[in-house]
Amino acid sequence: MISLTSILILLAALLICLILGVPIGFSLGLSGLLTILFTVGDQFMIQVPMTLYKSLSEFVFVAIPLYILMGEILYQGKSGERIFWVANSWLHRVRGGTGVATVAAYTFFAAIVGSSMTSVLTIGKIAIPEMKKQKYSKGLTYGLSAIGGSLGILIPPSIPLILYASLTNTSPGKLFMAGIIPGLILAFILSIWTAMKAPRGLNIDSSHLTSDRLRNTLKALPDMLLPVVVLGGIYKGIYTPTEAAAVGVIYALVLTVFIHKNLSIKDLGNVLVESVKTTAMLLSIVVGALVFGAALTLVGLPKYLSDVLIGLSVSPLLVLLIMNIIWIIMGMFLEVVSILLITTPIFFPIAMAMGYDPVWFGIIMVLNMELAVITPPVGMNLFAIKSIMPEEPLELIMKSVLPFALFAVLVLVIVWIFPSVAIGIL
């Protein structure tokens, strides 16, 4: 029988750490360790290194620092800028062309880096000033960049999907393929909304865009081939997602250092330092969440919840709805990796017991994570936009983003009602 005292100690320790400003990874790890020590006994502390070793030794984990490194290379090598200007040069004559080009650039860049914040910081740095120059409303400008950046955790390669795959022994290749169609549906909805809400009658001097269209396209062609190299190789079975990450890093280096020459050999030191910082921050959260998850398992919470729900004969749809509500609430206060690592060990066994497809369930989870990066007060994409536009009040950015959360919910409902949207491609 699960101990209420154990759960209270776990939650109290986590809450105190967060109030004191302890970094989230350390908060999760410390609360997990205290729970194990004071509720199940120090003899179970051996479970902590065993859990960490088993999880972090998964080959798929190698892909995470590699995708982070690839994203940093492309970020500092201005790949996002080239992709944006190609999209803008072709779409500027369309109603809301710059906004639609922004969506296209976010979609394409998402298929390269797999990170929402990197997408916002790269594409948003160019797209937001351009949209403001063309008198797009602040609400449309900031909201579009926040939700557009969230495509980076749905369209493959996706770090959250890699983590989910490692925790559930689900094929990362199948998860990558399953994320494509929902991501494109969201991008299509955003494009239609942008075209409807864009300002009318703008007198834009676009002659330079038209004349430079072919030149911009040819210049960015090697950048646009990167998703084909990475995802095409996975889809054709030439290499695994982890091997694809290594191929992507090599390709990105050749692209930025030797073809475009935006990066020099000297710049690579800074690229590596920034990549290590990001990787260390992410993996500290992973380690802390794994310890927290081990504590949850030892006190018996996952099994208890699973037994209760199955014993009550609750409708699987109602259980999934409860999970979605929990994810949305957690997304307001925690970042994506923490939520995923805490809830997957609890929710996944329940979902499997109720007959859900593991790939489809992973896409449902990541769609909820898209909401987590844009919902206040701790949506990471909100702070990314704030760093680009420091003069804007954070409250205004938060208010701008909220209507766009409905589009992510809409896609979530579509995938929920029509599972073939995600798994039909497999």
Protein backbone atom coordinates (compact mmCIF):
# COMPACT_ATOMS: atom_id res chain seq x y z
CA MET A 1 0.00 0.00 0.00
CA ILE A 2 1.30 3.43 -0.94
CA SER A 3 2.35 5.67 1.94
CA LEU A 4 0.71 9.11 2.08
CA THR A 5 3.63 10.26 4.24
CA SER A 6 6.08 9.39 1.44
CA ILE A 7 4.17 11.44 -1.11
CA LEU A 8 3.88 14.40 1.27
CA ILE A 9 7.64 14.34 1.97
CA LEU A 10 8.35 14.17 -1.77
CA LEU A 11 6.08 17.09 -2.66
CA ALA A 12 7.09 19.21 0.34
CA ALA A 13 10.80 18.79 -0.38
CA LEU A 14 10.28 19.68 -4.06
CA LEU A 15 8.16 22.73 -3.24
CA ILE A 16 10.64 24.05 -0.66
CA CYS A 17 13.55 23.65 -3.10
CA LEU A 18 11.68 25.49 -5.86
CA ILE A 19 10.66 28.33 -3.49
CA LEU A 20 14.31 28.71 -2.42
CA GLY A 21 15.33 29.04 -6.06
CA VAL A 22 17.23 25.74 -6.31
CA PRO A 23 17.68 24.79 -10.01
CA ILE A 24 14.98 22.40 -11.18
CA GLY A 25 17.35 19.47 -11.77
CA PHE A 26 18.80 19.69 -8.26
CA SER A 27 15.32 20.25 -6.77
CA LEU A 28 14.03 17.05 -8.34
CA GLY A 29 17.10 15.03 -7.38
CA LEU A 30 17.27 16.28 -3.80
CA SER A 31 13.56 15.73 -3.12
CA GLY A 32 13.84 12.23 -4.56
CA LEU A 33 16.86 11.36 -2.42
CA LEU A 34 15.22 12.68 0.77
CA THR A 35 12.09 10.68 0.06
CA ILE A 36 14.05 7.46 -0.46
CA LEU A 37 16.17 8.07 2.65
CA PHE A 38 13.34 8.88 5.05
CA THR A 39 10.54 6.63 3.80
CA VAL A 40 11.91 3.39 2.33
CA GLY A 41 15.33 3.37 4.00
CA ASP A 42 18.96 3.99 3.11
CA GLN A 43 19.35 0.40 1.90
CA PHE A 44 17.39 1.42 -1.20
CA MET A 45 19.80 4.27 -2.03
CA ILE A 46 21.66 1.80 -4.23
CA GLN A 47 18.71 2.11 -6.63
CA VAL A 48 19.75 5.66 -7.49
CA PRO A 49 23.11 4.93 -9.22
CA MET A 50 21.64 1.77 -10.74
CA THR A 51 18.76 3.75 -12.25
CA LEU A 52 21.05 6.48 -13.54
CA TYR A 53 23.49 4.01 -15.06
CA LYS A 54 20.76 1.99 -16.75
CA SER A 55 19.04 5.05 -18.20
CA LEU A 56 22.01 7.18 -19.20
CA SER A 57 23.87 4.24 -20.80
CA GLU A 58 21.12 3.98 -23.42
CA PHE A 59 22.68 4.50 -26.84
CA VAL A 60 19.86 6.85 -27.84
CA PHE A 61 21.04 9.35 -25.18
CA VAL A 62 24.14 10.02 -27.27
CA ALA A 63 21.86 11.76 -29.76
CA ILE A 64 20.94 14.53 -27.32
CA PRO A 65 24.33 16.30 -27.08
CA LEU A 66 24.84 15.71 -30.81
CA TYR A 67 21.56 17.41 -31.76
CA ILE A 68 22.37 20.24 -29.34
CA LEU A 69 25.80 20.65 -30.97
CA MET A 70 24.25 20.62 -34.45
CA GLY A 71 21.72 23.25 -33.40
CA GLU A 72 24.45 25.49 -31.94
CA ILE A 73 26.55 25.20 -35.11
CA LEU A 74 23.58 26.17 -37.29
CA TYR A 75 22.53 28.94 -34.87
CA GLN A 76 25.94 30.62 -34.89
CA GLY A 77 26.36 29.83 -38.59
CA LYS A 78 23.20 31.88 -39.41
CA SER A 79 21.41 28.99 -41.09
CA GLY A 80 18.05 30.22 -39.80
CA GLU A 81 18.56 33.63 -41.40
CA ARG A 82 19.18 32.10 -44.81
CA ILE A 83 16.07 29.91 -44.54
CA PHE A 84 13.89 32.86 -43.48
CA TRP A 85 14.97 35.06 -46.37
CA VAL A 86 14.31 32.29 -48.87
CA ALA A 87 10.79 31.84 -47.53
CA ASN A 88 10.19 35.59 -47.45
CA SER A 89 11.46 36.14 -50.98
CA TRP A 90 8.98 33.59 -52.35
CA LEU A 91 5.99 34.46 -50.17
CA HIS A 92 6.21 38.24 -49.72
CA ARG A 93 3.53 38.92 -52.37
CA VAL A 94 1.01 36.65 -50.64
CA ARG A 95 -1.40 38.23 -48.16
CA GLY A 96 0.48 38.04 -44.86
CA GLY A 97 3.51 36.82 -46.79
CA THR A 98 6.11 37.72 -44.17
CA GLY A 99 4.08 36.03 -41.44
CA VAL A 100 3.56 32.93 -43.58
CA ALA A 101 7.28 32.97 -44.39
CA THR A 102 7.95 33.07 -40.64
CA VAL A 103 5.83 29.93 -40.16
CA ALA A 104 7.61 28.23 -43.07
CA ALA A 105 11.01 29.14 -41.64
CA TYR A 106 10.07 27.85 -38.17
CA THR A 107 8.76 24.62 -39.68
CA PHE A 108 11.87 24.04 -41.74
CA PHE A 109 14.27 24.98 -38.95
CA ALA A 110 12.37 22.67 -36.57
CA ALA A 111 13.31 19.81 -38.89
CA ILE A 112 16.96 20.70 -38.34
CA VAL A 113 17.54 21.51 -34.67
CA GLY A 114 14.80 19.83 -32.58
CA SER A 115 14.73 22.62 -29.97
CA SER A 116 12.00 25.21 -29.46
CA MET A 117 14.15 27.89 -27.80
CA THR A 118 16.87 27.61 -30.46
CA SER A 119 14.21 28.04 -33.14
CA VAL A 120 12.79 31.17 -31.49
CA LEU A 121 16.20 32.71 -30.89
CA THR A 122 17.28 32.00 -34.47
CA ILE A 123 14.22 32.70 -36.62
CA GLY A 124 12.58 35.15 -34.22
CA LYS A 125 15.63 37.41 -34.19
CA ILE A 126 15.00 38.15 -37.89
CA ALA A 127 11.26 37.56 -38.25
CA ILE A 128 10.00 39.63 -35.30
CA PRO A 129 11.67 42.94 -36.36
CA GLU A 130 10.60 42.31 -39.98
CA MET A 131 6.96 41.73 -39.01
CA LYS A 132 6.96 44.81 -36.77
CA LYS A 133 8.40 46.88 -39.62
CA GLN A 134 5.44 45.78 -41.75
CA LYS A 135 3.00 46.83 -39.00
CA TYR A 136 1.88 43.39 -37.89
CA SER A 137 0.19 43.60 -34.51
CA LYS A 138 2.31 42.75 -31.49
CA GLY A 139 -0.11 40.00 -30.55
CA LEU A 140 0.25 38.29 -33.92
CA THR A 141 4.01 38.83 -34.08
CA TYR A 142 4.89 37.46 -30.64
CA GLY A 143 2.23 34.75 -30.58
CA LEU A 144 3.30 33.43 -33.97
CA SER A 145 6.94 33.22 -32.93
CA ALA A 146 6.15 31.48 -29.65
CA ILE A 147 3.94 28.78 -31.16
CA GLY A 148 6.10 28.54 -34.29
CA GLY A 149 9.14 27.84 -32.16
CA SER A 150 7.26 25.04 -30.38
CA LEU A 151 7.30 23.09 -33.64
CA GLY A 152 10.91 22.30 -32.75
CA ILE A 153 9.83 19.72 -30.18
CA LEU A 154 7.27 18.01 -32.43
CA ILE A 155 8.73 17.92 -35.92
CA PRO A 156 11.74 15.58 -35.90
CA PRO A 157 14.47 15.49 -34.81
CA SER A 158 12.97 16.15 -31.37
CA ILE A 159 14.82 15.88 -28.05
CA PRO A 160 11.59 15.19 -26.07
CA LEU A 161 10.76 12.35 -28.46
CA ILE A 162 14.26 10.93 -27.94
CA LEU A 163 13.78 11.01 -24.16
CA TYR A 164 10.34 9.41 -24.45
CA ALA A 165 11.79 6.68 -26.67
CA SER A 166 14.54 5.90 -24.14
CA LEU A 167 12.09 5.76 -21.23
CA THR A 168 9.55 3.52 -22.97
CA ASN A 169 11.67 1.41 -25.34
CA THR A 170 9.67 2.82 -28.25
CA SER A 171 11.33 3.14 -31.65
CA PRO A 172 12.67 6.72 -31.99
CA GLY A 173 12.48 6.35 -35.78
CA LYS A 174 8.74 5.61 -35.62
CA LEU A 175 8.22 8.50 -33.22
CA PHE A 176 10.09 10.84 -35.57
CA MET A 177 7.92 9.81 -38.52
CA ALA A 178 4.74 10.11 -36.44
CA GLY A 179 5.52 13.71 -35.49
CA ILE A 180 5.72 15.01 -39.06
CA ILE A 181 2.03 15.20 -40.05
CA PRO A 182 0.75 16.79 -36.79
CA GLY A 183 3.55 19.35 -37.04
CA LEU A 184 2.63 20.20 -40.63
CA ILE A 185 -1.05 20.48 -39.70
CA LEU A 186 -0.21 23.01 -36.99
CA ALA A 187 2.01 24.95 -39.43
CA PHE A 188 -0.85 25.01 -41.99
CA ILE A 189 -3.33 26.31 -39.40
CA LEU A 190 -0.87 29.02 -38.35
CA SER A 191 -0.34 30.06 -41.97
CA ILE A 192 -4.09 30.40 -42.61
CA TRP A 193 -4.58 32.41 -39.40
CA THR A 194 -1.64 34.68 -40.24
CA ALA A 195 -2.95 35.37 -43.73
CA MET A 196 -6.35 36.28 -42.25
CA LYS A 197 -4.97 38.56 -39.53
CA ALA A 198 -2.13 40.24 -41.43
CA PRO A 199 -2.44 44.00 -42.05
CA ARG A 200 -3.98 45.01 -45.38
CA GLY A 201 -2.75 47.41 -48.02
CA LEU A 202 0.91 47.56 -47.07
CA ASN A 203 3.08 49.45 -49.49
CA ILE A 204 6.22 47.33 -49.29
CA ASP A 205 9.24 47.80 -51.51
CA SER A 206 9.82 44.16 -52.34
CA SER A 207 11.75 44.55 -55.58
CA HIS A 208 14.97 43.45 -53.90
CA LEU A 209 13.26 40.29 -52.62
CA THR A 210 12.00 39.37 -56.08
CA SER A 211 15.35 40.00 -57.76
CA ASP A 212 17.24 38.12 -55.06
CA ARG A 213 14.82 35.18 -54.97
CA LEU A 214 16.91 32.76 -57.00
CA ARG A 215 20.17 33.86 -55.39
CA ASN A 216 18.75 33.44 -51.88
CA THR A 217 17.36 30.03 -52.75
CA LEU A 218 20.61 28.75 -54.23
CA LYS A 219 22.55 30.11 -51.28
CA ALA A 220 20.29 28.36 -48.75
CA LEU A 221 19.89 25.14 -50.74
CA PRO A 222 22.57 23.26 -48.75
CA ASP A 223 20.81 24.31 -45.51
CA MET A 224 17.47 23.06 -46.84
CA LEU A 225 18.99 19.69 -47.70
CA LEU A 226 19.93 18.99 -44.07
CA PRO A 227 16.49 17.61 -43.05
CA VAL A 228 16.56 15.40 -46.13
CA VAL A 229 19.96 14.04 -45.12
CA VAL A 230 18.99 13.47 -41.48
CA LEU A 231 15.37 12.32 -41.75
CA GLY A 232 15.71 10.67 -45.16
CA GLY A 233 18.48 8.44 -43.85
CA ILE A 234 16.36 7.45 -40.85
CA TYR A 235 13.27 6.79 -42.96
CA LYS A 236 15.20 4.68 -45.45
CA GLY A 237 16.87 2.71 -42.67
CA ILE A 238 20.38 3.82 -43.64
CA TYR A 239 21.17 4.89 -40.09
CA THR A 240 19.57 5.15 -36.65
CA PRO A 241 18.39 8.47 -35.18
CA THR A 242 21.57 8.57 -33.07
CA GLU A 243 23.79 7.98 -36.09
CA ALA A 244 21.71 10.57 -37.98
CA ALA A 245 22.64 13.13 -35.31
CA ALA A 246 26.34 12.46 -35.92
CA VAL A 247 25.83 12.78 -39.67
CA GLY A 248 23.96 16.04 -39.08
CA VAL A 249 26.82 17.48 -37.01
CA ILE A 250 29.35 16.71 -39.73
CA TYR A 251 27.06 18.14 -42.40
CA ALA A 252 26.45 21.30 -40.32
CA LEU A 253 30.22 21.79 -39.87
CA VAL A 254 30.90 21.46 -43.60
CA LEU A 255 27.97 23.78 -44.32
CA THR A 256 28.92 26.61 -41.97
CA VAL A 257 32.72 26.40 -41.98
CA PHE A 258 33.55 25.47 -45.58
CA ILE A 259 30.52 26.34 -47.75
CA HIS A 260 29.04 29.51 -46.23
CA LYS A 261 32.13 30.35 -44.13
CA ASN A 262 30.04 32.02 -41.39
CA LEU A 263 32.09 30.13 -38.82
CA SER A 264 35.87 29.89 -38.66
CA ILE A 265 37.90 27.19 -36.99
CA LYS A 266 38.52 29.64 -34.14
CA ASP A 267 34.76 30.05 -33.61
CA LEU A 268 34.31 26.33 -33.02
CA GLY A 269 35.72 26.64 -29.50
CA ASN A 270 32.86 28.94 -28.53
CA VAL A 271 30.36 26.64 -30.26
CA LEU A 272 31.60 23.69 -28.22
CA VAL A 273 31.52 25.66 -24.96
CA GLU A 274 27.90 26.77 -25.53
CA SER A 275 26.90 23.24 -26.52
CA VAL A 276 28.47 21.81 -23.36
CA LYS A 277 26.66 24.40 -21.22
CA THR A 278 23.29 23.53 -22.77
CA THR A 279 23.94 19.80 -22.59
CA ALA A 280 25.04 20.00 -18.95
CA MET A 281 21.94 22.00 -18.03
CA LEU A 282 19.65 19.56 -19.83
CA LEU A 283 21.33 16.44 -18.46
CA SER A 284 21.27 17.83 -14.91
CA ILE A 285 17.49 17.99 -15.27
CA VAL A 286 17.46 14.47 -16.72
CA VAL A 287 19.50 13.12 -13.79
CA GLY A 288 17.36 14.92 -11.22
CA ALA A 289 14.13 13.75 -12.84
CA LEU A 290 15.40 10.15 -13.01
CA VAL A 291 16.13 10.23 -9.25
CA PHE A 292 12.69 11.74 -8.64
CA GLY A 293 11.14 9.01 -10.79
CA ALA A 294 13.05 6.31 -8.89
CA ALA A 295 11.62 7.69 -5.64
CA LEU A 296 8.10 7.61 -7.09
CA THR A 297 8.62 3.99 -8.13
CA LEU A 298 10.00 2.94 -4.75
CA VAL A 299 7.08 4.46 -2.85
CA GLY A 300 4.76 2.65 -5.26
CA LEU A 301 2.87 5.57 -6.81
CA PRO A 302 2.86 4.40 -10.48
CA LYS A 303 1.62 0.90 -9.61
CA TYR A 304 -0.92 2.27 -7.14
CA LEU A 305 -2.44 4.67 -9.67
CA SER A 306 -2.47 2.00 -12.37
CA ASP A 307 -4.21 -0.53 -10.09
CA VAL A 308 -6.77 2.03 -8.91
CA LEU A 309 -7.72 3.23 -12.41
CA ILE A 310 -7.91 -0.26 -13.86
CA GLY A 311 -9.84 -1.51 -10.82
CA LEU A 312 -12.40 1.26 -11.16
CA SER A 313 -13.01 0.35 -14.81
CA VAL A 314 -12.67 4.02 -15.76
CA SER A 315 -13.11 4.89 -19.43
CA PRO A 316 -9.73 5.08 -21.21
CA LEU A 317 -10.81 8.39 -22.74
CA LEU A 318 -11.47 9.85 -19.30
CA VAL A 319 -8.07 8.66 -18.08
CA LEU A 320 -6.37 10.27 -21.08
CA LEU A 321 -8.29 13.50 -20.47
CA ILE A 322 -7.07 13.55 -16.85
CA MET A 323 -3.49 13.01 -18.06
CA ASN A 324 -3.81 15.92 -20.49
CA ILE A 325 -5.12 18.21 -17.76
CA ILE A 326 -2.22 17.23 -15.49
CA TRP A 327 0.29 17.89 -18.29
CA ILE A 328 -1.22 21.31 -19.00
CA ILE A 329 -1.12 22.33 -15.33
CA MET A 330 2.47 21.06 -14.90
CA GLY A 331 3.44 22.89 -18.10
CA MET A 332 2.61 26.20 -16.46
CA PHE A 333 5.28 25.68 -13.80
CA LEU A 334 7.87 23.18 -15.07
CA GLU A 335 9.85 22.86 -18.28
CA VAL A 336 9.38 20.09 -20.82
CA VAL A 337 12.15 17.65 -19.84
CA SER A 338 11.12 17.59 -16.18
CA ILE A 339 7.46 16.97 -17.01
CA LEU A 340 8.29 14.22 -19.45
CA LEU A 341 10.69 12.40 -17.15
CA ILE A 342 8.40 12.67 -14.12
CA THR A 343 5.13 11.64 -15.78
CA THR A 344 6.21 9.06 -18.36
CA PRO A 345 7.05 6.32 -15.80
CA ILE A 346 3.63 6.90 -14.20
CA PHE A 347 1.40 7.44 -17.22
CA PHE A 348 2.97 5.10 -19.78
CA PRO A 349 2.15 1.81 -17.96
CA ILE A 350 -1.43 3.00 -17.45
CA ALA A 351 -1.75 3.94 -21.13
CA MET A 352 -0.40 0.53 -22.22
CA ALA A 353 -2.75 -1.28 -19.82
CA MET A 354 -5.64 0.55 -21.46
CA GLY A 355 -4.56 -0.46 -24.95
CA TYR A 356 -3.15 2.79 -26.34
CA ASP A 357 -0.49 2.68 -29.06
CA PRO A 358 2.91 3.70 -27.58
CA VAL A 359 3.87 5.83 -30.61
CA TRP A 360 0.51 7.63 -30.69
CA PHE A 361 0.66 8.18 -26.92
CA GLY A 362 4.14 9.71 -27.31
CA ILE A 363 2.85 12.20 -29.87
CA ILE A 364 -0.08 13.11 -27.59
CA MET A 365 2.42 13.74 -24.79
CA VAL A 366 4.69 15.91 -26.93
CA LEU A 367 1.73 17.94 -28.22
CA ASN A 368 1.03 18.75 -24.57
CA MET A 369 4.70 19.72 -24.20
CA GLU A 370 4.17 22.25 -26.99
CA LEU A 371 1.69 23.94 -24.68
CA ALA A 372 4.24 23.80 -21.86
CA VAL A 373 6.76 25.98 -23.74
CA ILE A 374 4.21 28.73 -24.43
CA THR A 375 1.98 28.82 -21.33
CA PRO A 376 2.83 31.33 -18.59
CA PRO A 377 4.33 31.83 -16.13
CA VAL A 378 7.24 29.51 -17.03
CA GLY A 379 6.88 29.04 -20.82
CA MET A 380 10.47 29.04 -22.07
CA ASN A 381 9.57 30.48 -25.49
CA LEU A 382 8.11 33.53 -23.75
CA PHE A 383 11.48 34.31 -22.21
CA ALA A 384 13.21 33.69 -25.55
CA ILE A 385 10.99 36.37 -27.14
CA LYS A 386 11.66 38.66 -24.17
CA SER A 387 15.41 38.31 -24.79
CA ILE A 388 14.87 39.38 -28.42
CA MET A 389 12.56 42.28 -27.48
CA PRO A 390 13.84 43.36 -24.02
CA GLU A 391 11.84 46.61 -24.13
CA GLU A 392 8.51 44.74 -24.20
CA PRO A 393 6.80 43.89 -20.89
CA LEU A 394 6.70 40.16 -20.28
CA GLU A 395 3.00 40.45 -19.46
CA LEU A 396 2.29 41.69 -23.01
CA ILE A 397 4.20 38.75 -24.53
CA MET A 398 2.29 36.30 -22.33
CA LYS A 399 -1.04 37.84 -23.30
CA SER A 400 -0.11 37.66 -27.00
CA VAL A 401 0.67 33.96 -26.84
CA LEU A 402 -2.46 32.68 -25.09
CA PRO A 403 -4.82 32.70 -28.15
CA PHE A 404 -2.28 30.65 -30.12
CA ALA A 405 -2.36 27.92 -27.48
CA LEU A 406 -5.82 27.08 -28.85
CA PHE A 407 -4.24 26.02 -32.15
CA ALA A 408 -2.00 23.52 -30.36
CA VAL A 409 -5.07 22.24 -28.50
CA LEU A 410 -6.90 21.90 -31.83
CA VAL A 411 -4.14 19.73 -33.30
CA LEU A 412 -4.08 17.72 -30.07
CA VAL A 413 -7.82 17.05 -30.46
CA ILE A 414 -7.35 16.09 -34.12
CA VAL A 415 -4.64 13.56 -33.28
CA TRP A 416 -6.73 12.29 -30.37
CA ILE A 417 -9.86 11.72 -32.50
CA PHE A 418 -7.98 10.54 -35.62
CA PRO A 419 -4.95 8.50 -34.45
CA SER A 420 -4.04 7.69 -38.07
CA VAL A 421 -2.90 11.32 -38.46
CA ALA A 422 0.12 10.38 -36.33
CA ILE A 423 0.58 6.65 -36.88
CA GLY A 424 -0.89 6.26 -40.37
CA ILE A 425 2.50 7.15 -41.89
CA LEU A 426 4.22 4.22 -40.14
